[in-house]
């Protein structure tokens, strides 16, 4: 009973205009703010994709250089360790 009275009270106090979605939620094409939000979304999409592209390029770089043979000065040579015993 209290919930019913409280809900009726709230519905009568709050204006119904606040319950209706704004024009941006419906995709109003005539507003400048909608155009600016679209540009911001594309900018953020480009920023995320450039970061992911950088991670992919670095991974490819690591993969490519991991498959290359080592230089002669970088190879581990087998040493005769008997002279140290």
PDB file of N, CA and C in Angstrom:
ATOM      1  N   UNK A   1       0.817  -1.185   0.000  1.00  0.00           N
ATOM      2  CA  UNK A   1       0.000   0.000   0.000  1.00  0.00           C
ATOM      3  C   UNK A   1       0.866   1.256   0.000  1.00  0.00           C
ATOM      4  N   UNK A   2       1.949   1.226   0.801  1.00  0.00           N
ATOM      5  CA  UNK A   2       2.837   2.386   0.853  1.00  0.00           C
ATOM      6  C   UNK A   2       3.521   2.607  -0.494  1.00  0.00           C
ATOM      7  N   UNK A   3       3.891   1.523  -1.156  1.00  0.00           N
ATOM      8  CA  UNK A   3       4.555   1.647  -2.452  1.00  0.00           C
ATOM      9  C   UNK A   3       3.625   2.246  -3.491  1.00  0.00           C
ATOM     10  N   UNK A   4       2.357   1.873  -3.429  1.00  0.00           N
ATOM     11  CA  UNK A   4       1.383   2.394  -4.390  1.00  0.00           C
ATOM     12  C   UNK A   4       1.173   3.894  -4.176  1.00  0.00           C
ATOM     13  N   UNK A   5       1.041   4.305  -2.931  1.00  0.00           N
ATOM     14  CA  UNK A   5       0.858   5.726  -2.622  1.00  0.00           C
ATOM     15  C   UNK A   5       2.108   6.514  -2.995  1.00  0.00           C
ATOM     16  N   UNK A   6       3.262   5.953  -2.702  1.00  0.00           N
ATOM     17  CA  UNK A   6       4.514   6.628  -3.031  1.00  0.00           C
ATOM     18  C   UNK A   6       4.686   6.772  -4.543  1.00  0.00           C
ATOM     19  N   UNK A   7       4.344   5.743  -5.294  1.00  0.00           N
ATOM     20  CA  UNK A   7       4.480   5.831  -6.751  1.00  0.00           C
ATOM     21  C   UNK A   7       3.502   6.836  -7.341  1.00  0.00           C
ATOM     22  N   UNK A   8       2.282   6.895  -6.826  1.00  0.00           N
ATOM     23  CA  UNK A   8       1.311   7.888  -7.305  1.00  0.00           C
ATOM     24  C   UNK A   8       1.787   9.293  -6.960  1.00  0.00           C
ATOM     25  N   UNK A   9       2.329   9.462  -5.774  1.00  0.00           N
ATOM     26  CA  UNK A   9       2.841  10.765  -5.355  1.00  0.00           C
ATOM     27  C   UNK A   9       4.006  11.205  -6.239  1.00  0.00           C
ATOM     28  N   UNK A  10       4.926  10.299  -6.509  1.00  0.00           N
ATOM     29  CA  UNK A  10       6.072  10.640  -7.353  1.00  0.00           C
ATOM     30  C   UNK A  10       5.651  10.947  -8.785  1.00  0.00           C
ATOM     31  N   UNK A  11       4.703  10.189  -9.316  1.00  0.00           N
ATOM     32  CA  UNK A  11       4.245  10.446 -10.681  1.00  0.00           C
ATOM     33  C   UNK A  11       3.505  11.771 -10.805  1.00  0.00           C
ATOM     34  N   UNK A  12       2.847  12.177  -9.752  1.00  0.00           N
ATOM     35  CA  UNK A  12       2.140  13.457  -9.818  1.00  0.00           C
ATOM     36  C   UNK A  12       3.086  14.642  -9.611  1.00  0.00           C
ATOM     37  N   UNK A  13       4.162  14.432  -8.867  1.00  0.00           N
ATOM     38  CA  UNK A  13       5.100  15.524  -8.601  1.00  0.00           C
ATOM     39  C   UNK A  13       6.061  15.734  -9.769  1.00  0.00           C
ATOM     40  N   UNK A  14       6.613  14.650 -10.281  1.00  0.00           N
ATOM     41  CA  UNK A  14       7.604  14.761 -11.352  1.00  0.00           C
ATOM     42  C   UNK A  14       6.923  15.091 -12.675  1.00  0.00           C
ATOM     43  N   UNK A  15       7.440  16.058 -13.387  1.00  0.00           N
ATOM     44  CA  UNK A  15       6.846  16.364 -14.699  1.00  0.00           C
ATOM     45  C   UNK A  15       7.149  15.258 -15.706  1.00  0.00           C
ATOM     46  N   UNK A  16       6.223  15.027 -16.586  1.00  0.00           N
ATOM     47  CA  UNK A  16       6.378  13.961 -17.572  1.00  0.00           C
ATOM     48  C   UNK A  16       7.383  14.320 -18.659  1.00  0.00           C
ATOM     49  N   UNK A  17       7.701  15.573 -18.803  1.00  0.00           N
ATOM     50  CA  UNK A  17       8.652  15.981 -19.838  1.00  0.00           C
ATOM     51  C   UNK A  17      10.046  15.434 -19.558  1.00  0.00           C
ATOM     52  N   UNK A  18      10.364  15.215 -18.302  1.00  0.00           N
ATOM     53  CA  UNK A  18      11.678  14.670 -17.973  1.00  0.00           C
ATOM     54  C   UNK A  18      11.770  13.189 -18.310  1.00  0.00           C
ATOM     55  N   UNK A  19      10.652  12.516 -18.404  1.00  0.00           N
ATOM     56  CA  UNK A  19      10.660  11.091 -18.713  1.00  0.00           C
ATOM     57  C   UNK A  19      10.841  10.841 -20.208  1.00  0.00           C
ATOM     58  N   UNK A  20      10.594  11.835 -21.027  1.00  0.00           N
ATOM     59  CA  UNK A  20      10.743  11.688 -22.474  1.00  0.00           C
ATOM     60  C   UNK A  20      12.220  11.863 -22.826  1.00  0.00           C
ATOM     61  N   UNK A  21      12.702  11.041 -23.729  1.00  0.00           N
ATOM     62  CA  UNK A  21      14.119  11.097 -24.106  1.00  0.00           C
ATOM     63  C   UNK A  21      14.419  12.378 -24.874  1.00  0.00           C
ATOM     64  N   UNK A  22      15.662  12.791 -24.796  1.00  0.00           N
ATOM     65  CA  UNK A  22      16.091  14.000 -25.493  1.00  0.00           C
ATOM     66  C   UNK A  22      16.184  13.725 -26.999  1.00  0.00           C
ATOM     67  N   UNK A  23      16.236  14.766 -27.827  1.00  0.00           N
ATOM     68  CA  UNK A  23      16.309  14.560 -29.273  1.00  0.00           C
ATOM     69  C   UNK A  23      17.583  13.851 -29.715  1.00  0.00           C
ATOM     70  N   UNK A  24      18.662  13.967 -28.938  1.00  0.00           N
ATOM     71  CA  UNK A  24      19.911  13.310 -29.316  1.00  0.00           C
ATOM     72  C   UNK A  24      19.787  11.798 -29.208  1.00  0.00           C
ATOM     73  N   UNK A  25      18.970  11.338 -28.256  1.00  0.00           N
ATOM     74  CA  UNK A  25      18.783   9.889 -28.116  1.00  0.00           C
ATOM     75  C   UNK A  25      18.050   9.319 -29.321  1.00  0.00           C
ATOM     76  N   UNK A  26      17.216  10.123 -29.930  1.00  0.00           N
ATOM     77  CA  UNK A  26      16.493   9.670 -31.113  1.00  0.00           C
ATOM     78  C   UNK A  26      17.274   9.918 -32.396  1.00  0.00           C
ATOM     79  N   UNK A  27      18.406  10.567 -32.317  1.00  0.00           N
ATOM     80  CA  UNK A  27      19.244  10.807 -33.484  1.00  0.00           C
ATOM     81  C   UNK A  27      18.797  11.993 -34.311  1.00  0.00           C
ATOM     82  N   UNK A  28      18.506  13.094 -33.668  1.00  0.00           N
ATOM     83  CA  UNK A  28      18.105  14.298 -34.383  1.00  0.00           C
ATOM     84  C   UNK A  28      19.266  14.775 -35.248  1.00  0.00           C
ATOM     85  N   UNK A  29      19.031  14.935 -36.526  1.00  0.00           N
ATOM     86  CA  UNK A  29      20.102  15.278 -37.451  1.00  0.00           C
ATOM     87  C   UNK A  29      20.255  16.784 -37.651  1.00  0.00           C
ATOM     88  N   UNK A  30      19.351  17.561 -37.120  1.00  0.00           N
ATOM     89  CA  UNK A  30      19.414  19.000 -37.354  1.00  0.00           C
ATOM     90  C   UNK A  30      20.211  19.753 -36.293  1.00  0.00           C
ATOM     91  N   UNK A  31      20.611  19.096 -35.230  1.00  0.00           N
ATOM     92  CA  UNK A  31      21.321  19.791 -34.161  1.00  0.00           C
ATOM     93  C   UNK A  31      22.825  19.810 -34.384  1.00  0.00           C
ATOM     94  N   UNK A  32      23.446  20.915 -33.996  1.00  0.00           N
ATOM     95  CA  UNK A  32      24.904  21.017 -34.086  1.00  0.00           C
ATOM     96  C   UNK A  32      25.573  20.068 -33.108  1.00  0.00           C
ATOM     97  N   UNK A  33      24.954  19.873 -31.956  1.00  0.00           N
ATOM     98  CA  UNK A  33      25.548  18.982 -30.955  1.00  0.00           C
ATOM     99  C   UNK A  33      25.621  17.554 -31.466  1.00  0.00           C
ATOM    100  N   UNK A  34      24.646  17.152 -32.252  1.00  0.00           N
ATOM    101  CA  UNK A  34      24.663  15.799 -32.817  1.00  0.00           C
ATOM    102  C   UNK A  34      25.836  15.636 -33.768  1.00  0.00           C
ATOM    103  N   UNK A  35      26.092  16.647 -34.569  1.00  0.00           N
ATOM    104  CA  UNK A  35      27.233  16.590 -35.492  1.00  0.00           C
ATOM    105  C   UNK A  35      28.548  16.536 -34.721  1.00  0.00           C
ATOM    106  N   UNK A  36      28.656  17.323 -33.663  1.00  0.00           N
ATOM    107  CA  UNK A  36      29.883  17.332 -32.864  1.00  0.00           C
ATOM    108  C   UNK A  36      30.090  16.002 -32.150  1.00  0.00           C
ATOM    109  N   UNK A  37      29.002  15.400 -31.682  1.00  0.00           N
ATOM    110  CA  UNK A  37      29.131  14.090 -31.039  1.00  0.00           C
ATOM    111  C   UNK A  37      29.564  13.034 -32.046  1.00  0.00           C
ATOM    112  N   UNK A  38      29.071  13.133 -33.275  1.00  0.00           N
ATOM    113  CA  UNK A  38      29.478  12.175 -34.303  1.00  0.00           C
ATOM    114  C   UNK A  38      30.969  12.313 -34.609  1.00  0.00           C
ATOM    115  N   UNK A  39      31.455  13.542 -34.680  1.00  0.00           N
ATOM    116  CA  UNK A  39      32.887  13.765 -34.911  1.00  0.00           C
ATOM    117  C   UNK A  39      33.702  13.229 -33.742  1.00  0.00           C
ATOM    118  N   UNK A  40      33.227  13.448 -32.523  1.00  0.00           N
ATOM    119  CA  UNK A  40      33.938  12.948 -31.346  1.00  0.00           C
ATOM    120  C   UNK A  40      33.979  11.420 -31.333  1.00  0.00           C
ATOM    121  N   UNK A  41      32.894  10.787 -31.724  1.00  0.00           N
ATOM    122  CA  UNK A  41      32.858   9.318 -31.773  1.00  0.00           C
ATOM    123  C   UNK A  41      33.851   8.806 -32.801  1.00  0.00           C
ATOM    124  N   UNK A  42      33.893   9.430 -33.977  1.00  0.00           N
ATOM    125  CA  UNK A  42      34.847   8.983 -35.002  1.00  0.00           C
ATOM    126  C   UNK A  42      36.289   9.227 -34.563  1.00  0.00           C
ATOM    127  N   UNK A  43      36.529  10.339 -33.866  1.00  0.00           N
ATOM    128  CA  UNK A  43      37.877  10.616 -33.364  1.00  0.00           C
ATOM    129  C   UNK A  43      38.309   9.563 -32.351  1.00  0.00           C
ATOM    130  N   UNK A  44      37.428   9.232 -31.417  1.00  0.00           N
ATOM    131  CA  UNK A  44      37.762   8.212 -30.423  1.00  0.00           C
ATOM    132  C   UNK A  44      37.934   6.844 -31.073  1.00  0.00           C
ATOM    133  N   UNK A  45      37.130   6.552 -32.082  1.00  0.00           N
ATOM    134  CA  UNK A  45      37.278   5.297 -32.815  1.00  0.00           C
ATOM    135  C   UNK A  45      38.649   5.249 -33.487  1.00  0.00           C
ATOM    136  N   UNK A  46      39.065   6.350 -34.086  1.00  0.00           N
ATOM    137  CA  UNK A  46      40.387   6.412 -34.710  1.00  0.00           C
ATOM    138  C   UNK A  46      41.510   6.286 -33.698  1.00  0.00           C
ATOM    139  N   UNK A  47      41.339   6.882 -32.527  1.00  0.00           N
ATOM    140  CA  UNK A  47      42.372   6.782 -31.491  1.00  0.00           C
ATOM    141  C   UNK A  47      42.526   5.347 -31.012  1.00  0.00           C
ATOM    142  N   UNK A  48      41.417   4.676 -30.783  1.00  0.00           N
ATOM    143  CA  UNK A  48      41.469   3.278 -30.329  1.00  0.00           C
ATOM    144  C   UNK A  48      42.080   2.393 -31.405  1.00  0.00           C
ATOM    145  N   UNK A  49      41.687   2.605 -32.650  1.00  0.00           N
ATOM    146  CA  UNK A  49      42.216   1.768 -33.730  1.00  0.00           C
ATOM    147  C   UNK A  49      43.700   2.027 -33.960  1.00  0.00           C
ATOM    148  N   UNK A  50      44.160   3.252 -33.748  1.00  0.00           N
ATOM    149  CA  UNK A  50      45.595   3.508 -33.911  1.00  0.00           C
ATOM    150  C   UNK A  50      46.400   2.836 -32.804  1.00  0.00           C
ATOM    151  N   UNK A  51      45.872   2.800 -31.597  1.00  0.00           N
ATOM    152  CA  UNK A  51      46.561   2.091 -30.511  1.00  0.00           C
ATOM    153  C   UNK A  51      46.600   0.596 -30.807  1.00  0.00           C
ATOM    154  N   UNK A  52      45.478   0.032 -31.236  1.00  0.00           N
ATOM    155  CA  UNK A  52      45.454  -1.391 -31.581  1.00  0.00           C
ATOM    156  C   UNK A  52      46.370  -1.688 -32.764  1.00  0.00           C
ATOM    157  N   UNK A  53      46.438  -0.778 -33.722  1.00  0.00           N
ATOM    158  CA  UNK A  53      47.357  -0.953 -34.847  1.00  0.00           C
ATOM    159  C   UNK A  53      48.806  -0.929 -34.402  1.00  0.00           C
ATOM    160  N   UNK A  54      49.132  -0.056 -33.456  1.00  0.00           N
ATOM    161  CA  UNK A  54      50.491  -0.020 -32.920  1.00  0.00           C
ATOM    162  C   UNK A  54      50.856  -1.299 -32.195  1.00  0.00           C
ATOM    163  N   UNK A  55      49.918  -1.847 -31.438  1.00  0.00           N
ATOM    164  CA  UNK A  55      50.168  -3.116 -30.752  1.00  0.00           C
ATOM    165  C   UNK A  55      50.368  -4.229 -31.770  1.00  0.00           C
ATOM    166  N   UNK A  56      49.557  -4.233 -32.826  1.00  0.00           N
ATOM    167  CA  UNK A  56      49.713  -5.242 -33.872  1.00  0.00           C
ATOM    168  C   UNK A  56      51.033  -5.107 -34.609  1.00  0.00           C
ATOM    169  N   UNK A  57      51.437  -3.881 -34.909  1.00  0.00           N
ATOM    170  CA  UNK A  57      52.710  -3.668 -35.603  1.00  0.00           C
ATOM    171  C   UNK A  57      53.890  -4.089 -34.730  1.00  0.00           C
ATOM    172  N   UNK A  58      53.821  -3.795 -33.440  1.00  0.00           N
ATOM    173  CA  UNK A  58      54.894  -4.209 -32.537  1.00  0.00           C
ATOM    174  C   UNK A  58      54.945  -5.733 -32.420  1.00  0.00           C
ATOM    175  N   UNK A  59      53.788  -6.375 -32.369  1.00  0.00           N
ATOM    176  CA  UNK A  59      53.751  -7.843 -32.313  1.00  0.00           C
ATOM    177  C   UNK A  59      54.343  -8.445 -33.579  1.00  0.00           C
ATOM    178  N   UNK A  60      54.030  -7.862 -34.734  1.00  0.00           N
ATOM    179  CA  UNK A  60      54.593  -8.346 -35.993  1.00  0.00           C
ATOM    180  C   UNK A  60      56.106  -8.154 -36.008  1.00  0.00           C
ATOM    181  N   UNK A  61      56.566  -7.025 -35.492  1.00  0.00           N
ATOM    182  CA  UNK A  61      58.002  -6.747 -35.420  1.00  0.00           C
ATOM    183  C   UNK A  61      58.705  -7.788 -34.550  1.00  0.00           C
ATOM    184  N   UNK A  62      58.137  -8.086 -33.391  1.00  0.00           N
ATOM    185  CA  UNK A  62      58.728  -9.088 -32.498  1.00  0.00           C
ATOM    186  C   UNK A  62      58.719 -10.461 -33.164  1.00  0.00           C
ATOM    187  N   UNK A  63      57.622 -10.818 -33.818  1.00  0.00           N
ATOM    188  CA  UNK A  63      57.515 -12.113 -34.489  1.00  0.00           C
ATOM    189  C   UNK A  63      58.542 -12.227 -35.614  1.00  0.00           C
ATOM    190  N   UNK A  64      58.678 -11.157 -36.406  1.00  0.00           N
ATOM    191  CA  UNK A  64      59.595 -11.194 -37.542  1.00  0.00           C
ATOM    192  C   UNK A  64      61.045 -11.291 -37.088  1.00  0.00           C
ATOM    193  N   UNK A  65      61.415 -10.526 -36.082  1.00  0.00           N
ATOM    194  CA  UNK A  65      62.798 -10.552 -35.613  1.00  0.00           C
ATOM    195  C   UNK A  65      63.097 -11.790 -34.772  1.00  0.00           C
ATOM    196  N   UNK A  66      62.071 -12.426 -34.238  1.00  0.00           N
ATOM    197  CA  UNK A  66      62.279 -13.665 -33.507  1.00  0.00           C
ATOM    198  C   UNK A  66      62.607 -14.831 -34.420  1.00  0.00           C
ATOM    199  N   UNK A  67      62.234 -14.736 -35.688  1.00  0.00           N
ATOM    200  CA  UNK A  67      62.485 -15.807 -36.647  1.00  0.00           C
ATOM    201  C   UNK A  67      63.808 -15.645 -37.385  1.00  0.00           C
ATOM    202  N   UNK A  68      64.451 -14.519 -37.246  1.00  0.00           N
ATOM    203  CA  UNK A  68      65.717 -14.285 -37.948  1.00  0.00           C
ATOM    204  C   UNK A  68      66.845 -15.042 -37.257  1.00  0.00           C
ATOM    205  N   UNK A  69      67.826 -15.523 -38.028  1.00  0.00           N
ATOM    206  CA  UNK A  69      68.967 -16.199 -37.387  1.00  0.00           C
ATOM    207  C   UNK A  69      69.815 -15.182 -36.621  1.00  0.00           C
ATOM    208  N   UNK A  70      70.482 -15.680 -35.601  1.00  0.00           N
ATOM    209  CA  UNK A  70      71.316 -14.801 -34.784  1.00  0.00           C
ATOM    210  C   UNK A  70      72.602 -14.433 -35.512  1.00  0.00           C
ATOM    211  N   UNK A  71      73.124 -13.291 -35.171  1.00  0.00           N
ATOM    212  CA  UNK A  71      74.421 -12.873 -35.685  1.00  0.00           C
ATOM    213  C   UNK A  71      75.494 -13.773 -35.069  1.00  0.00           C
ATOM    214  N   UNK A  72      76.633 -13.914 -35.733  1.00  0.00           N
ATOM    215  CA  UNK A  72      77.678 -14.793 -35.177  1.00  0.00           C
ATOM    216  C   UNK A  72      78.153 -14.368 -33.790  1.00  0.00           C
ATOM    217  N   UNK A  73      78.206 -13.079 -33.519  1.00  0.00           N
ATOM    218  CA  UNK A  73      78.670 -12.637 -32.205  1.00  0.00           C
ATOM    219  C   UNK A  73      77.598 -12.819 -31.120  1.00  0.00           C
ATOM    220  N   UNK A  74      76.352 -13.128 -31.516  1.00  0.00           N
ATOM    221  CA  UNK A  74      75.292 -13.321 -30.542  1.00  0.00           C
ATOM    222  C   UNK A  74      75.051 -14.796 -30.213  1.00  0.00           C
ATOM    223  N   UNK A  75      75.604 -15.689 -31.003  1.00  0.00           N
ATOM    224  CA  UNK A  75      75.368 -17.108 -30.785  1.00  0.00           C
ATOM    225  C   UNK A  75      76.099 -17.583 -29.532  1.00  0.00           C
ATOM    226  N   UNK A  76      75.471 -18.500 -28.849  1.00  0.00           N
ATOM    227  CA  UNK A  76      76.097 -19.097 -27.673  1.00  0.00           C
ATOM    228  C   UNK A  76      76.987 -20.228 -28.167  1.00  0.00           C
ATOM    229  N   UNK A  77      78.234 -20.172 -27.806  1.00  0.00           N
ATOM    230  CA  UNK A  77      79.166 -21.217 -28.237  1.00  0.00           C
ATOM    231  C   UNK A  77      79.404 -22.183 -27.089  1.00  0.00           C
ATOM    232  N   UNK A  78      79.646 -23.432 -27.445  1.00  0.00           N
ATOM    233  CA  UNK A  78      79.959 -24.437 -26.430  1.00  0.00           C
ATOM    234  C   UNK A  78      81.418 -24.289 -26.052  1.00  0.00           C
ATOM    235  N   UNK A  79      81.634 -24.073 -24.787  1.00  0.00           N
ATOM    236  CA  UNK A  79      82.978 -23.884 -24.273  1.00  0.00           C
ATOM    237  C   UNK A  79      83.435 -25.161 -23.584  1.00  0.00           C
ATOM    238  N   UNK A  80      84.694 -25.402 -23.635  1.00  0.00           N
ATOM    239  CA  UNK A  80      85.261 -26.526 -22.897  1.00  0.00           C
ATOM    240  C   UNK A  80      85.451 -26.074 -21.456  1.00  0.00           C
ATOM    241  N   UNK A  81      84.604 -26.599 -20.559  1.00  0.00           N
ATOM    242  CA  UNK A  81      84.617 -26.151 -19.170  1.00  0.00           C
ATOM    243  C   UNK A  81      85.569 -26.959 -18.289  1.00  0.00           C
ATOM    244  N   UNK A  82      86.309 -27.916 -18.865  1.00  0.00           N
ATOM    245  CA  UNK A  82      87.207 -28.742 -18.054  1.00  0.00           C
ATOM    246  C   UNK A  82      88.366 -27.929 -17.482  1.00  0.00           C
ATOM    247  N   UNK A  83      88.745 -26.878 -18.148  1.00  0.00           N
ATOM    248  CA  UNK A  83      89.869 -26.083 -17.646  1.00  0.00           C
ATOM    249  C   UNK A  83      89.502 -25.299 -16.387  1.00  0.00           C
ATOM    250  N   UNK A  84      88.190 -25.166 -16.091  1.00  0.00           N
ATOM    251  CA  UNK A  84      87.757 -24.441 -14.902  1.00  0.00           C
ATOM    252  C   UNK A  84      87.587 -25.350 -13.688  1.00  0.00           C
ATOM    253  N   UNK A  85      87.712 -26.669 -13.878  1.00  0.00           N
ATOM    254  CA  UNK A  85      87.496 -27.600 -12.758  1.00  0.00           C
ATOM    255  C   UNK A  85      88.734 -27.828 -11.958  1.00  0.00           C
TER     256      UNK A  85
END
